[in-house]
């Protein structure tokens, strides 16, 4: 059966991707060394992990697209929780349609 398309689910995106994972880790380490900045350091570490995961996902998607260049690919962003109701399905549908979706609580 031919593959008509691929939906990549639970993609991790970062609005602050201009701050690389490495720079974020270095800044977090500097704050740790200075002391007294635990929250800021933790946020920088979390950002570094999110950017690194996003980059891994992009590499895997690029490998797939390279092997199957005629197969269309679309993404659905990772939501804060599991999709188990109509609100969650609407958010996924809006993301598939390229619309701005409200994230279900």
N, C-alpha and C. Protein backbone atom coordinates (compact mmCIF):
# COMPACT_ATOMS: atom_id res chain seq x y z
N UNK A 1 0.84 -1.16 0.00
CA UNK A 1 0.00 0.00 0.00
C UNK A 1 0.90 1.24 0.00
N UNK A 2 0.64 2.18 -0.89
CA UNK A 2 1.47 3.39 -0.94
C UNK A 2 1.21 4.27 0.28
N UNK A 3 2.24 4.96 0.67
CA UNK A 3 2.16 5.87 1.81
C UNK A 3 1.69 7.23 1.31
N UNK A 4 0.52 7.67 1.77
CA UNK A 4 -0.07 8.92 1.29
C UNK A 4 0.45 10.13 2.04
N UNK A 5 0.95 9.94 3.25
CA UNK A 5 1.45 11.06 4.03
C UNK A 5 1.87 10.59 5.41
N UNK A 6 2.54 11.46 6.12
CA UNK A 6 3.01 11.17 7.47
C UNK A 6 2.63 12.31 8.39
N UNK A 7 2.00 11.97 9.51
CA UNK A 7 1.72 12.95 10.56
C UNK A 7 2.71 12.67 11.69
N UNK A 8 3.55 13.63 11.97
CA UNK A 8 4.51 13.52 13.06
C UNK A 8 3.84 14.12 14.29
N UNK A 9 3.52 13.27 15.24
CA UNK A 9 2.76 13.67 16.42
C UNK A 9 3.68 14.03 17.58
N UNK A 10 3.20 14.92 18.43
CA UNK A 10 3.89 15.34 19.66
C UNK A 10 5.26 15.95 19.38
N UNK A 11 5.29 16.83 18.39
CA UNK A 11 6.51 17.53 18.03
C UNK A 11 6.79 18.61 19.07
N UNK A 12 8.03 18.72 19.47
CA UNK A 12 8.42 19.75 20.44
C UNK A 12 8.93 20.97 19.71
N UNK A 13 8.29 22.08 19.96
CA UNK A 13 8.67 23.35 19.35
C UNK A 13 9.11 24.31 20.44
N UNK A 14 9.95 25.25 20.06
CA UNK A 14 10.40 26.24 21.02
C UNK A 14 10.31 27.62 20.40
N UNK A 15 9.64 28.51 21.09
CA UNK A 15 9.54 29.89 20.61
C UNK A 15 10.88 30.62 20.77
N UNK A 16 11.75 30.09 21.61
CA UNK A 16 13.04 30.73 21.85
C UNK A 16 14.20 29.95 21.26
N UNK A 17 14.00 29.38 20.08
CA UNK A 17 15.03 28.53 19.47
C UNK A 17 16.29 29.31 19.08
N UNK A 18 16.21 30.64 19.05
CA UNK A 18 17.42 31.40 18.72
C UNK A 18 18.48 31.27 19.82
N UNK A 19 18.06 30.87 21.03
CA UNK A 19 19.02 30.57 22.10
C UNK A 19 19.32 29.08 22.01
N UNK A 20 20.51 28.75 21.57
CA UNK A 20 20.87 27.35 21.34
C UNK A 20 20.91 26.57 22.65
N UNK A 21 20.83 25.26 22.53
CA UNK A 21 20.91 24.40 23.70
C UNK A 21 22.26 24.58 24.41
N UNK A 22 23.32 24.67 23.63
CA UNK A 22 24.66 24.81 24.24
C UNK A 22 24.79 26.13 25.00
N UNK A 23 24.35 27.23 24.38
CA UNK A 23 24.44 28.53 25.07
C UNK A 23 23.57 28.54 26.32
N UNK A 24 22.43 27.87 26.26
CA UNK A 24 21.55 27.79 27.41
C UNK A 24 22.21 27.02 28.55
N UNK A 25 22.86 25.91 28.20
CA UNK A 25 23.56 25.12 29.23
C UNK A 25 24.71 25.90 29.84
N UNK A 26 25.45 26.62 29.01
CA UNK A 26 26.57 27.42 29.52
C UNK A 26 26.06 28.51 30.46
N UNK A 27 24.97 29.17 30.09
CA UNK A 27 24.40 30.21 30.95
C UNK A 27 23.89 29.61 32.26
N UNK A 28 23.27 28.45 32.19
CA UNK A 28 22.79 27.79 33.41
C UNK A 28 23.96 27.44 34.32
N UNK A 29 25.04 26.95 33.74
CA UNK A 29 26.22 26.61 34.55
C UNK A 29 26.81 27.86 35.20
N UNK A 30 26.86 28.97 34.46
CA UNK A 30 27.37 30.22 35.02
C UNK A 30 26.51 30.68 36.19
N UNK A 31 25.19 30.54 36.06
CA UNK A 31 24.30 30.91 37.16
C UNK A 31 24.47 29.98 38.35
N UNK A 32 24.66 28.70 38.08
CA UNK A 32 24.91 27.75 39.18
C UNK A 32 26.19 28.11 39.92
N UNK A 33 27.23 28.46 39.15
CA UNK A 33 28.50 28.83 39.77
C UNK A 33 28.38 30.10 40.60
N UNK A 34 27.55 31.03 40.15
CA UNK A 34 27.36 32.28 40.89
C UNK A 34 26.52 32.08 42.13
N UNK A 35 25.63 31.09 42.10
CA UNK A 35 24.77 30.79 43.24
C UNK A 35 23.58 31.72 43.34
N UNK A 36 22.51 31.22 43.95
CA UNK A 36 21.34 32.04 44.20
C UNK A 36 20.40 32.22 43.02
N UNK A 37 20.62 31.48 41.95
CA UNK A 37 19.77 31.64 40.75
C UNK A 37 19.21 30.29 40.32
N UNK A 38 18.70 29.52 41.26
CA UNK A 38 18.27 28.15 40.97
C UNK A 38 17.14 28.11 39.94
N UNK A 39 16.16 28.99 40.08
CA UNK A 39 15.02 28.96 39.16
C UNK A 39 15.45 29.32 37.73
N UNK A 40 16.22 30.37 37.59
CA UNK A 40 16.68 30.78 36.26
C UNK A 40 17.54 29.68 35.64
N UNK A 41 18.38 29.05 36.44
CA UNK A 41 19.22 27.96 35.95
C UNK A 41 18.36 26.78 35.50
N UNK A 42 17.35 26.45 36.28
CA UNK A 42 16.47 25.34 35.93
C UNK A 42 15.71 25.62 34.63
N UNK A 43 15.26 26.85 34.46
CA UNK A 43 14.55 27.21 33.22
C UNK A 43 15.49 27.11 32.02
N UNK A 44 16.72 27.55 32.18
CA UNK A 44 17.69 27.45 31.08
C UNK A 44 17.99 25.99 30.74
N UNK A 45 18.10 25.15 31.76
CA UNK A 45 18.33 23.72 31.52
C UNK A 45 17.14 23.09 30.80
N UNK A 46 15.94 23.44 31.23
CA UNK A 46 14.73 22.93 30.58
C UNK A 46 14.68 23.37 29.11
N UNK A 47 15.03 24.63 28.88
CA UNK A 47 15.07 25.14 27.50
C UNK A 47 16.08 24.36 26.67
N UNK A 48 17.25 24.11 27.24
CA UNK A 48 18.29 23.36 26.52
C UNK A 48 17.80 21.97 26.15
N UNK A 49 17.10 21.31 27.06
CA UNK A 49 16.57 19.98 26.78
C UNK A 49 15.52 20.04 25.67
N UNK A 50 14.64 21.05 25.72
CA UNK A 50 13.58 21.17 24.70
C UNK A 50 14.19 21.44 23.33
N UNK A 51 15.18 22.33 23.24
CA UNK A 51 15.81 22.64 21.95
C UNK A 51 16.54 21.41 21.42
N UNK A 52 17.24 20.69 22.29
CA UNK A 52 17.95 19.49 21.86
C UNK A 52 16.97 18.43 21.34
N UNK A 53 15.85 18.26 22.04
CA UNK A 53 14.86 17.29 21.59
C UNK A 53 14.25 17.71 20.25
N UNK A 54 13.98 18.99 20.10
CA UNK A 54 13.44 19.51 18.84
C UNK A 54 14.42 19.25 17.70
N UNK A 55 15.69 19.46 17.94
CA UNK A 55 16.70 19.23 16.91
C UNK A 55 16.78 17.74 16.53
N UNK A 56 16.68 16.85 17.53
CA UNK A 56 16.67 15.41 17.24
C UNK A 56 15.46 15.05 16.37
N UNK A 57 14.31 15.59 16.73
CA UNK A 57 13.11 15.31 15.95
C UNK A 57 13.24 15.83 14.51
N UNK A 58 13.83 17.00 14.35
CA UNK A 58 14.02 17.56 13.00
C UNK A 58 14.97 16.69 12.18
N UNK A 59 16.02 16.17 12.81
CA UNK A 59 16.95 15.29 12.09
C UNK A 59 16.26 14.00 11.63
N UNK A 60 15.46 13.42 12.52
CA UNK A 60 14.74 12.19 12.15
C UNK A 60 13.75 12.46 11.02
N UNK A 61 13.06 13.57 11.11
CA UNK A 61 12.10 13.92 10.06
C UNK A 61 12.83 14.17 8.74
N UNK A 62 13.99 14.80 8.79
CA UNK A 62 14.77 15.06 7.57
C UNK A 62 15.25 13.75 6.96
N UNK A 63 15.63 12.77 7.80
CA UNK A 63 16.04 11.47 7.28
C UNK A 63 14.88 10.79 6.56
N UNK A 64 13.69 10.85 7.17
CA UNK A 64 12.52 10.25 6.54
C UNK A 64 12.24 10.94 5.21
N UNK A 65 12.23 12.27 5.22
CA UNK A 65 11.94 13.02 3.99
C UNK A 65 12.98 12.77 2.92
N UNK A 66 14.23 12.58 3.32
CA UNK A 66 15.27 12.26 2.35
C UNK A 66 15.06 10.89 1.71
N UNK A 67 14.58 9.94 2.51
CA UNK A 67 14.34 8.59 1.99
C UNK A 67 13.03 8.50 1.21
N UNK A 68 12.09 9.39 1.53
CA UNK A 68 10.76 9.36 0.89
C UNK A 68 10.38 10.79 0.47
N UNK A 69 11.06 11.34 -0.52
CA UNK A 69 10.86 12.75 -0.86
C UNK A 69 9.47 13.11 -1.40
N UNK A 70 8.72 12.13 -1.87
CA UNK A 70 7.40 12.43 -2.42
C UNK A 70 6.27 12.34 -1.39
N UNK A 71 6.60 11.91 -0.18
CA UNK A 71 5.58 11.75 0.86
C UNK A 71 5.43 13.07 1.62
N UNK A 72 4.23 13.65 1.61
CA UNK A 72 4.03 14.89 2.37
C UNK A 72 4.08 14.60 3.88
N UNK A 73 4.63 15.56 4.62
CA UNK A 73 4.78 15.42 6.07
C UNK A 73 4.16 16.64 6.73
N UNK A 74 3.43 16.40 7.80
CA UNK A 74 2.89 17.50 8.60
C UNK A 74 3.14 17.18 10.07
N UNK A 75 3.10 18.21 10.90
CA UNK A 75 3.42 18.06 12.32
C UNK A 75 2.24 18.45 13.18
N UNK A 76 2.17 17.80 14.34
CA UNK A 76 1.23 18.19 15.40
C UNK A 76 2.07 18.42 16.64
N UNK A 77 1.91 19.60 17.22
CA UNK A 77 2.71 19.96 18.39
C UNK A 77 2.35 19.10 19.60
N UNK A 78 3.34 18.89 20.45
CA UNK A 78 3.09 18.21 21.72
C UNK A 78 2.20 19.10 22.57
N UNK A 79 1.18 18.50 23.16
CA UNK A 79 0.28 19.22 24.05
C UNK A 79 0.67 18.93 25.50
N UNK A 80 0.24 19.75 26.43
CA UNK A 80 0.64 19.55 27.82
C UNK A 80 0.12 18.25 28.44
N UNK A 81 -0.92 17.67 27.86
CA UNK A 81 -1.47 16.43 28.40
C UNK A 81 -1.94 15.53 27.27
N UNK A 82 -2.43 14.36 27.64
CA UNK A 82 -2.95 13.44 26.64
C UNK A 82 -4.24 13.99 26.03
N UNK A 83 -4.47 13.63 24.79
CA UNK A 83 -5.72 14.01 24.12
C UNK A 83 -6.73 12.91 24.40
N UNK A 84 -7.76 13.26 25.14
CA UNK A 84 -8.76 12.27 25.51
C UNK A 84 -10.20 12.81 25.44
N UNK A 85 -10.35 13.99 24.86
CA UNK A 85 -11.68 14.57 24.76
C UNK A 85 -11.78 15.43 23.50
N UNK A 86 -12.97 15.98 23.27
CA UNK A 86 -13.18 16.78 22.06
C UNK A 86 -12.32 18.03 22.01
N UNK A 87 -12.11 18.68 23.15
CA UNK A 87 -11.26 19.87 23.15
C UNK A 87 -9.85 19.54 22.68
N UNK A 88 -9.31 18.42 23.15
CA UNK A 88 -7.99 18.00 22.72
C UNK A 88 -7.95 17.67 21.24
N UNK A 89 -8.99 16.98 20.77
CA UNK A 89 -9.06 16.65 19.34
C UNK A 89 -9.19 17.90 18.49
N UNK A 90 -9.92 18.89 18.98
CA UNK A 90 -10.03 20.16 18.24
C UNK A 90 -8.67 20.85 18.16
N UNK A 91 -7.90 20.80 19.24
CA UNK A 91 -6.57 21.41 19.23
C UNK A 91 -5.66 20.71 18.22
N UNK A 92 -5.73 19.38 18.17
CA UNK A 92 -4.94 18.62 17.19
C UNK A 92 -5.40 18.96 15.78
N UNK A 93 -6.71 19.01 15.57
CA UNK A 93 -7.25 19.35 14.25
C UNK A 93 -6.85 20.73 13.80
N UNK A 94 -6.87 21.68 14.71
CA UNK A 94 -6.46 23.05 14.37
C UNK A 94 -4.98 23.08 13.99
N UNK A 95 -4.17 22.32 14.71
CA UNK A 95 -2.74 22.27 14.40
C UNK A 95 -2.52 21.63 13.02
N UNK A 96 -3.26 20.57 12.73
CA UNK A 96 -3.14 19.94 11.41
C UNK A 96 -3.56 20.90 10.30
N UNK A 97 -4.55 21.74 10.59
CA UNK A 97 -5.05 22.69 9.59
C UNK A 97 -4.19 23.96 9.53
N UNK A 98 -3.18 24.06 10.39
CA UNK A 98 -2.31 25.22 10.40
C UNK A 98 -2.92 26.42 11.07
N UNK A 99 -3.89 26.18 11.94
CA UNK A 99 -4.54 27.28 12.65
C UNK A 99 -3.95 27.40 14.05
N UNK A 100 -4.17 28.54 14.66
CA UNK A 100 -3.76 28.78 16.03
C UNK A 100 -4.80 28.12 16.93
N UNK A 101 -4.41 27.13 17.71
CA UNK A 101 -5.36 26.42 18.57
C UNK A 101 -5.18 26.84 20.01
N UNK A 102 -6.28 26.84 20.73
CA UNK A 102 -6.18 27.04 22.17
C UNK A 102 -5.86 25.69 22.78
N UNK A 103 -4.94 25.69 23.72
CA UNK A 103 -4.50 24.45 24.35
C UNK A 103 -5.50 24.08 25.43
N UNK A 104 -6.02 22.84 25.38
CA UNK A 104 -6.96 22.42 26.41
C UNK A 104 -6.30 22.32 27.77
N UNK A 105 -7.06 22.62 28.81
CA UNK A 105 -6.50 22.58 30.18
C UNK A 105 -6.44 21.18 30.70
